[in-house]
């Protein structure tokens, strides 16, 4: 049974004009290329009557080829037949759950991990084991220790680039190590990478999929952050057996993604310089990140640690031991400062040893003034509370 999201009420605060909310991981709508997309919709609708027709469950062939070309440019060996178009990368998480998980099966997740993945997998009632992380991502030694103790693990789910919620990036060496472990211990890796294009500092790191030699990595990509989320277009790159299984699940779930939206995305990629658009949004989000990081450094007490992400949308706060971030939010921060974050307890699949002293802040959709004012208010209340 799927339970309602524990943070739904927090996301509702996005619409409260009195509250500065750092809860939602939404892109900034001011960056959407509305005029370019309007032009493409008008062009597709007027020139291609097949845009109103059914198409293959695996997705528009031209768009799949364009995605394959982009993936190959990043070192991933694939072609159009290695790709299935999804209703956002979130649908890929649901399909992975449907395909691999039976009740009681073991799934490995980062600790902490993406709440949306837990919601997708929970429907299939797995047993989660959380793998600890540090500033370089998942700890491969802790992962191997778990693999030596556990059998029948279905897959490891992870976000290696600017992880949600922690903001950290898996190192290149560890990516190679994870593929080696998957080959030796016979499990799959679900590599969820919606933020991959959003790098603000540091060198790009090759995807885990680029090291895949045995077809054990399922890569999930998305246009939601780099283009617009409302078109609901993502993709999976996997071995062709998994792609065919995903296509069958797609046929059963919703037949296909919107033909019009796929053709418009394809026309947009052909007509406009998407890389230039990504460069522009990266510049915009880098500035927002820097505003939040600088304000935290200026206003938070030293007892509060935080991550400085090289990309993505999030920073992860760690309060002193014994600090209850959920209770503090509800009893102190919201009523006194009118500021909201997502307590860290919601991002752990393995709840046996649940830490209570973390929180996630998102900077992506807030204005500069809101970031500065919200973080300043938090700093004042935290300084008083921790003194």
Protein backbone atom coordinates (compact mmCIF):
# COMPACT_ATOMS: atom_id res chain seq x y z
CA UNK A 1 0.00 0.00 0.00
CA UNK A 2 1.31 3.45 -0.92
CA UNK A 3 1.17 5.92 1.95
CA UNK A 4 0.74 9.66 1.32
CA UNK A 5 3.98 11.61 1.18
CA UNK A 6 5.07 12.69 4.63
CA UNK A 7 6.18 16.05 3.26
CA UNK A 8 3.06 16.90 1.24
CA UNK A 9 1.97 19.36 3.90
CA UNK A 10 5.40 21.00 3.77
CA UNK A 11 5.17 21.45 0.01
CA UNK A 12 1.82 23.17 0.55
CA UNK A 13 3.76 25.90 2.34
CA UNK A 14 5.14 26.89 -1.09
CA UNK A 15 1.80 28.66 -1.59
CA UNK A 16 1.75 30.45 1.79
CA UNK A 17 2.84 34.05 1.14
CA UNK A 18 3.96 34.44 4.76
CA UNK A 19 6.41 31.52 4.60
CA UNK A 20 9.81 31.39 2.90
CA UNK A 21 9.98 27.75 1.84
CA UNK A 22 13.16 25.91 0.95
CA UNK A 23 11.22 22.64 0.60
CA UNK A 24 10.47 22.04 -3.06
CA UNK A 25 13.14 20.92 -5.52
CA UNK A 26 11.53 22.78 -8.40
CA UNK A 27 13.28 24.42 -11.35
CA UNK A 28 12.98 28.18 -11.70
CA UNK A 29 10.08 28.78 -14.10
CA UNK A 30 11.65 32.04 -15.31
CA UNK A 31 14.25 29.90 -17.11
CA UNK A 32 11.79 27.91 -19.23
CA UNK A 33 12.34 28.59 -22.98
CA UNK A 34 8.65 29.40 -23.45
CA UNK A 35 8.89 31.27 -26.75
CA UNK A 36 11.07 28.60 -28.35
CA UNK A 37 8.72 25.86 -27.24
CA UNK A 38 5.67 27.82 -28.40
CA UNK A 39 7.28 28.08 -31.84
CA UNK A 40 7.98 24.35 -31.90
CA UNK A 41 4.46 23.39 -30.81
CA UNK A 42 2.94 25.56 -33.55
CA UNK A 43 5.34 24.14 -36.12
CA UNK A 44 4.75 20.50 -35.18
CA UNK A 45 0.99 20.86 -34.99
CA UNK A 46 0.76 22.66 -38.35
CA UNK A 47 3.21 20.46 -40.26
CA UNK A 48 2.88 16.95 -38.86
CA UNK A 49 -0.56 15.40 -38.48
CA UNK A 50 1.08 12.27 -37.05
CA UNK A 51 1.81 14.30 -33.92
CA UNK A 52 -1.81 13.52 -32.98
CA UNK A 53 -1.43 9.77 -33.58
CA UNK A 54 -0.34 6.86 -31.42
CA UNK A 55 3.32 5.89 -31.66
CA UNK A 56 5.59 3.11 -30.43
CA UNK A 57 5.58 2.45 -26.67
CA UNK A 58 9.37 2.74 -26.65
CA UNK A 59 9.02 6.35 -27.78
CA UNK A 60 9.58 8.57 -30.82
CA UNK A 61 12.47 7.12 -32.84
CA UNK A 62 14.01 10.47 -33.74
CA UNK A 63 14.04 11.66 -30.13
CA UNK A 64 15.56 8.37 -29.00
CA UNK A 65 18.33 8.79 -31.59
CA UNK A 66 19.00 12.35 -30.42
CA UNK A 67 19.26 11.17 -26.82
CA UNK A 68 21.54 8.31 -27.89
CA UNK A 69 23.80 10.81 -29.67
CA UNK A 70 24.03 12.94 -26.51
CA UNK A 71 24.71 9.88 -24.33
CA UNK A 72 27.43 8.64 -26.69
CA UNK A 73 29.10 12.06 -26.51
CA UNK A 74 29.47 11.36 -22.78
CA UNK A 75 31.06 7.96 -23.31
CA UNK A 76 27.97 5.74 -23.01
CA UNK A 77 27.82 2.98 -25.62
CA UNK A 78 24.21 2.99 -26.79
CA UNK A 79 21.90 3.46 -29.76
CA UNK A 80 18.24 4.35 -30.20
CA UNK A 81 17.20 0.76 -29.47
CA UNK A 82 18.91 1.02 -26.06
CA UNK A 83 16.53 3.81 -25.00
CA UNK A 84 12.92 4.00 -23.89
CA UNK A 85 11.15 7.34 -23.41
CA UNK A 86 9.43 7.70 -20.05
CA UNK A 87 6.85 9.90 -18.39
CA UNK A 88 9.69 11.57 -16.53
CA UNK A 89 12.52 9.65 -14.89
CA UNK A 90 10.13 8.97 -11.99
CA UNK A 91 8.34 6.44 -14.19
CA UNK A 92 11.64 4.62 -14.59
CA UNK A 93 11.79 4.20 -10.81
CA UNK A 94 8.31 2.69 -10.82
CA UNK A 95 9.24 0.33 -13.67
CA UNK A 96 12.42 -0.75 -11.85
CA UNK A 97 10.27 -1.57 -8.85
CA UNK A 98 7.74 -3.49 -10.94
CA UNK A 99 10.43 -5.42 -12.79
CA UNK A 100 12.76 -6.35 -9.96
CA UNK A 101 11.05 -6.19 -6.55
CA UNK A 102 8.89 -8.82 -4.93
CA UNK A 103 7.66 -8.34 -1.38
CA UNK A 104 10.55 -8.64 1.06
CA UNK A 105 13.32 -8.34 -1.55
CA UNK A 106 16.40 -6.34 -0.57
CA UNK A 107 17.11 -3.01 -2.24
CA UNK A 108 20.19 -0.93 -1.44
CA UNK A 109 19.83 2.84 -1.25
CA UNK A 110 22.05 5.73 -0.28
CA UNK A 111 21.60 7.00 3.26
CA UNK A 112 20.03 9.52 2.78
CA UNK A 113 18.21 8.93 -0.51
CA UNK A 114 15.60 10.52 -2.81
CA UNK A 115 12.13 10.48 -1.26
CA UNK A 116 10.47 10.05 -4.67
CA UNK A 117 12.36 6.79 -5.18
CA UNK A 118 11.17 5.46 -1.82
CA UNK A 119 7.59 6.36 -2.74
CA UNK A 120 7.97 4.49 -6.06
CA UNK A 121 9.58 1.40 -4.54
CA UNK A 122 7.37 1.24 -1.44
CA UNK A 123 4.46 -0.01 -3.53
CA UNK A 124 6.37 -3.28 -4.01
CA UNK A 125 7.27 -3.64 -0.31
CA UNK A 126 11.05 -4.11 -0.39
CA UNK A 127 13.43 -4.29 2.54
CA UNK A 128 15.83 -1.35 2.40
CA UNK A 129 19.45 -1.32 3.49
CA UNK A 130 20.98 2.14 3.62
CA UNK A 131 24.61 2.56 2.58
CA UNK A 132 26.41 5.42 4.35
CA UNK A 133 27.82 8.35 2.41
CA UNK A 134 30.59 10.88 2.87
CA UNK A 135 31.64 13.94 0.90
CA UNK A 136 32.59 11.70 -2.07
CA UNK A 137 29.30 9.78 -2.18
CA UNK A 138 28.51 6.20 -1.23
CA UNK A 139 31.20 4.44 0.81
CA UNK A 140 32.29 1.46 -1.33
CA UNK A 141 33.85 -0.35 1.64
CA UNK A 142 30.56 -0.18 3.55
CA UNK A 143 28.77 -1.32 0.40
CA UNK A 144 31.03 -4.35 -0.04
CA UNK A 145 30.66 -5.26 3.63
CA UNK A 146 26.89 -5.29 3.12
CA UNK A 147 27.22 -7.37 -0.06
CA UNK A 148 29.30 -9.94 1.83
CA UNK A 149 26.59 -10.27 4.47
CA UNK A 150 23.47 -10.15 2.29
CA UNK A 151 22.37 -12.32 -0.62
CA UNK A 152 19.75 -11.84 -3.31
CA UNK A 153 20.09 -8.06 -3.54
CA UNK A 154 18.03 -6.82 -6.48
CA UNK A 155 19.65 -3.46 -7.14
CA UNK A 156 21.45 -0.44 -5.75
CA UNK A 157 19.56 2.81 -6.33
CA UNK A 158 21.56 6.02 -6.34
CA UNK A 159 21.86 9.60 -7.58
CA UNK A 160 25.60 9.99 -8.27
CA UNK A 161 25.53 13.61 -9.48
CA UNK A 162 24.69 16.35 -6.93
CA UNK A 163 22.66 13.91 -4.92
CA UNK A 164 19.16 14.66 -3.69
CA UNK A 165 19.07 15.40 -0.78
CA UNK A 166 22.74 15.54 0.27
CA UNK A 167 24.18 17.51 -2.67
CA UNK A 168 27.35 15.37 -2.89
CA UNK A 169 28.82 13.81 -6.04
CA UNK A 170 30.18 10.29 -6.34
CA UNK A 171 33.88 10.31 -7.23
CA UNK A 172 35.18 8.83 -10.47
CA UNK A 173 37.11 6.10 -8.67
CA UNK A 174 34.04 5.04 -6.72
CA UNK A 175 31.95 4.86 -9.89
CA UNK A 176 34.38 2.33 -11.32
CA UNK A 177 34.38 0.43 -8.03
CA UNK A 178 30.58 0.22 -7.97
CA UNK A 179 30.43 -1.33 -11.43
CA UNK A 180 33.09 -3.84 -10.40
CA UNK A 181 31.06 -4.73 -7.29
CA UNK A 182 27.88 -5.12 -9.35
CA UNK A 183 29.69 -7.51 -11.69
CA UNK A 184 31.22 -9.55 -8.86
CA UNK A 185 28.14 -9.72 -6.62
CA UNK A 186 25.50 -9.97 -9.37
CA UNK A 187 23.19 -7.01 -8.82
CA UNK A 188 21.94 -4.06 -10.90
CA UNK A 189 22.58 -0.35 -10.41
CA UNK A 190 19.81 2.15 -11.05
CA UNK A 191 21.67 5.39 -11.85
CA UNK A 192 19.22 8.28 -11.49
CA UNK A 193 20.79 11.42 -12.94
CA UNK A 194 18.25 14.25 -13.38
CA UNK A 195 20.74 16.94 -12.31
CA UNK A 196 23.70 15.83 -14.42
CA UNK A 197 23.66 18.89 -16.70
CA UNK A 198 23.53 21.27 -13.72
CA UNK A 199 27.24 21.44 -12.82
CA UNK A 200 28.41 24.77 -11.36
CA UNK A 201 31.98 23.97 -10.36
CA UNK A 202 34.59 21.25 -10.73
CA UNK A 203 35.28 18.89 -13.65
CA UNK A 204 32.55 16.71 -15.13
CA UNK A 205 32.60 13.10 -13.93
CA UNK A 206 31.80 10.21 -16.27
CA UNK A 207 28.49 8.47 -15.62
CA UNK A 208 28.41 5.07 -13.93
CA UNK A 209 26.75 3.76 -17.11
CA UNK A 210 29.86 4.66 -19.11
CA UNK A 211 31.79 1.98 -17.18
CA UNK A 212 29.10 -0.68 -17.63
CA UNK A 213 30.47 -3.76 -19.44
CA UNK A 214 27.83 -6.36 -18.52
CA UNK A 215 24.56 -4.44 -18.93
CA UNK A 216 24.05 -4.04 -15.18
CA UNK A 217 23.47 -0.28 -15.08
CA UNK A 218 20.10 1.32 -15.82
CA UNK A 219 20.62 5.02 -16.48
CA UNK A 220 17.66 7.37 -15.95
CA UNK A 221 17.78 10.83 -17.52
CA UNK A 222 15.29 13.67 -17.70
CA UNK A 223 14.41 16.89 -19.49
CA UNK A 224 12.58 18.18 -16.40
CA UNK A 225 15.51 20.20 -15.04
CA UNK A 226 17.31 21.13 -18.27
CA UNK A 227 14.18 21.97 -20.32
CA UNK A 228 10.77 21.97 -18.58
CA UNK A 229 9.12 19.52 -16.16
CA UNK A 230 5.60 19.95 -17.55
CA UNK A 231 6.34 18.00 -20.75
CA UNK A 232 7.02 14.95 -18.52
CA UNK A 233 9.81 13.52 -20.64
CA UNK A 234 12.59 11.32 -19.32
CA UNK A 235 14.40 8.25 -20.59
CA UNK A 236 16.09 5.02 -19.60
CA UNK A 237 19.30 3.68 -21.15
CA UNK A 238 19.80 -0.02 -20.46
CA UNK A 239 20.58 -3.35 -22.04
CA UNK A 240 18.06 -4.20 -24.72
CA UNK A 241 16.31 -6.91 -22.70
CA UNK A 242 15.56 -4.40 -19.93
CA UNK A 243 14.52 -1.78 -22.48
CA UNK A 244 12.03 -4.21 -24.01
CA UNK A 245 10.68 -5.05 -20.56
CA UNK A 246 10.33 -1.36 -19.79
CA UNK A 247 8.53 -0.85 -23.11
CA UNK A 248 6.06 -3.60 -22.21
CA UNK A 249 5.50 -2.01 -18.79
CA UNK A 250 5.05 1.32 -20.57
CA UNK A 251 2.41 -0.18 -22.85
CA UNK A 252 0.54 -1.52 -19.83
CA UNK A 253 0.86 1.68 -17.79
CA UNK A 254 -0.03 4.44 -20.28
CA UNK A 255 0.67 3.07 -23.79
CA UNK A 256 3.24 5.79 -24.60
CA UNK A 257 4.40 9.28 -23.80
CA UNK A 258 2.61 12.16 -25.53
CA UNK A 259 3.41 12.04 -29.25
CA UNK A 260 3.16 15.82 -29.51
CA UNK A 261 5.50 16.41 -26.58
CA UNK A 262 8.09 13.97 -27.91
CA UNK A 263 8.00 15.52 -31.39
CA UNK A 264 8.23 19.02 -29.93
CA UNK A 265 11.22 18.05 -27.78
CA UNK A 266 12.88 16.54 -30.83
CA UNK A 267 12.19 19.64 -32.95
CA UNK A 268 13.51 21.86 -30.17
CA UNK A 269 16.77 19.89 -29.95
CA UNK A 270 17.17 20.09 -33.73
CA UNK A 271 16.31 23.80 -34.05
CA UNK A 272 17.84 25.46 -30.99
CA UNK A 273 21.15 25.26 -29.18
CA UNK A 274 20.18 23.26 -26.10
CA UNK A 275 23.74 23.29 -24.81
CA UNK A 276 23.66 27.09 -24.78
CA UNK A 277 20.37 27.01 -22.89
CA UNK A 278 21.92 24.66 -20.32
CA UNK A 279 24.90 27.03 -19.97
CA UNK A 280 22.48 29.87 -19.20
CA UNK A 281 20.55 27.96 -16.54
CA UNK A 282 23.78 26.73 -14.98
CA UNK A 283 24.97 30.34 -14.62
CA UNK A 284 21.63 31.24 -13.02
CA UNK A 285 21.60 28.36 -10.53
CA UNK A 286 25.29 28.78 -9.70
CA UNK A 287 24.48 32.31 -8.56
CA UNK A 288 21.59 31.06 -6.39
CA UNK A 289 23.82 28.41 -4.85
CA UNK A 290 26.46 31.00 -4.05
CA UNK A 291 23.91 33.32 -2.48
CA UNK A 292 22.70 30.54 -0.19
CA UNK A 293 26.20 29.29 0.66
CA UNK A 294 27.49 32.79 1.45
CA UNK A 295 24.48 33.64 3.59
CA UNK A 296 24.73 30.38 5.52
CA UNK A 297 28.42 31.07 6.15
CA UNK A 298 27.60 34.57 7.41
CA UNK A 299 24.59 33.78 9.59
CA UNK A 300 24.55 30.15 10.80
CA UNK A 301 26.18 29.14 14.07
CA UNK A 302 29.36 27.10 13.69
CA UNK A 303 27.65 24.07 15.23
CA UNK A 304 25.61 23.59 12.03
CA UNK A 305 27.44 21.82 9.19
CA UNK A 306 26.32 22.00 5.55
CA UNK A 307 27.33 20.64 2.15
CA UNK A 308 28.50 22.90 -0.69
CA UNK A 309 27.17 21.20 -3.84
CA UNK A 310 29.05 21.39 -7.13
CA UNK A 311 25.67 21.37 -8.90
CA UNK A 312 22.02 20.44 -8.52
CA UNK A 313 19.53 22.14 -6.23
CA UNK A 314 20.22 21.16 -2.62
CA UNK A 315 22.36 21.54 0.45
CA UNK A 316 22.21 19.15 3.41
CA UNK A 317 22.32 20.50 6.94
CA UNK A 318 23.68 18.55 9.88
CA UNK A 319 22.77 19.90 13.30
CA UNK A 320 24.47 18.87 16.57
CA UNK A 321 23.84 15.36 17.92
CA UNK A 322 20.48 15.10 19.64
CA UNK A 323 18.98 18.03 17.71
CA UNK A 324 15.51 17.05 16.44
CA UNK A 325 15.20 18.84 13.09
CA UNK A 326 11.53 17.90 12.62
CA UNK A 327 10.49 19.10 16.06
CA UNK A 328 12.53 22.29 15.69
CA UNK A 329 10.82 23.07 12.39
CA UNK A 330 7.31 22.62 13.75
CA UNK A 331 7.69 24.10 17.22
CA UNK A 332 10.19 26.88 16.61
CA UNK A 333 11.29 27.72 13.07
CA UNK A 334 7.90 27.88 11.36
CA UNK A 335 6.04 29.79 14.08
CA UNK A 336 8.90 32.18 14.93
CA UNK A 337 10.66 32.73 11.60
CA UNK A 338 8.12 31.62 8.98
CA UNK A 339 10.77 29.53 7.23
CA UNK A 340 10.45 25.88 6.13
CA UNK A 341 12.83 23.08 5.16
CA UNK A 342 12.39 19.32 4.74
CA UNK A 343 13.47 17.39 7.84
CA UNK A 344 16.05 14.73 7.02
CA UNK A 345 14.10 11.84 8.55
CA UNK A 346 12.01 11.62 5.37
CA UNK A 347 15.01 10.66 3.21
CA UNK A 348 15.97 7.33 4.75
CA UNK A 349 14.72 3.96 3.49
CA UNK A 350 16.34 1.99 6.29
CA UNK A 351 14.67 3.35 9.43
CA UNK A 352 16.38 1.08 11.97
CA UNK A 353 18.91 3.77 12.92
CA UNK A 354 17.15 6.93 11.82
CA UNK A 355 19.13 10.16 12.33
CA UNK A 356 17.02 13.11 13.41
CA UNK A 357 19.53 15.96 13.10
CA UNK A 358 19.45 16.70 9.35
CA UNK A 359 17.48 18.87 6.95
CA UNK A 360 17.40 19.60 3.21
CA UNK A 361 17.36 23.11 1.80
CA UNK A 362 16.62 23.85 -1.86
CA UNK A 363 17.78 27.09 -3.48
CA UNK A 364 16.57 26.53 -7.05
CA UNK A 365 13.17 28.26 -7.14
CA UNK A 366 13.68 31.04 -4.58
CA UNK A 367 14.56 34.62 -5.40
CA UNK A 368 17.86 36.01 -4.16
CA UNK A 369 16.03 38.17 -1.62
CA UNK A 370 14.05 35.19 -0.33
CA UNK A 371 17.21 33.10 0.03
CA UNK A 372 19.02 35.83 1.97
CA UNK A 373 16.07 36.67 4.20
CA UNK A 374 15.05 33.07 4.84
CA UNK A 375 18.57 31.90 5.68
CA UNK A 376 19.13 35.00 7.85
CA UNK A 377 15.97 34.24 9.85
CA UNK A 378 17.05 30.62 10.25
CA UNK A 379 20.46 31.72 11.47
CA UNK A 380 18.99 34.00 14.10
CA UNK A 381 16.61 31.35 15.44
CA UNK A 382 19.28 28.62 15.38
CA UNK A 383 21.78 30.82 17.19
CA UNK A 384 19.23 31.51 19.93
CA UNK A 385 18.12 27.88 20.11
CA UNK A 386 21.63 26.41 20.28
CA UNK A 387 23.12 28.96 22.69
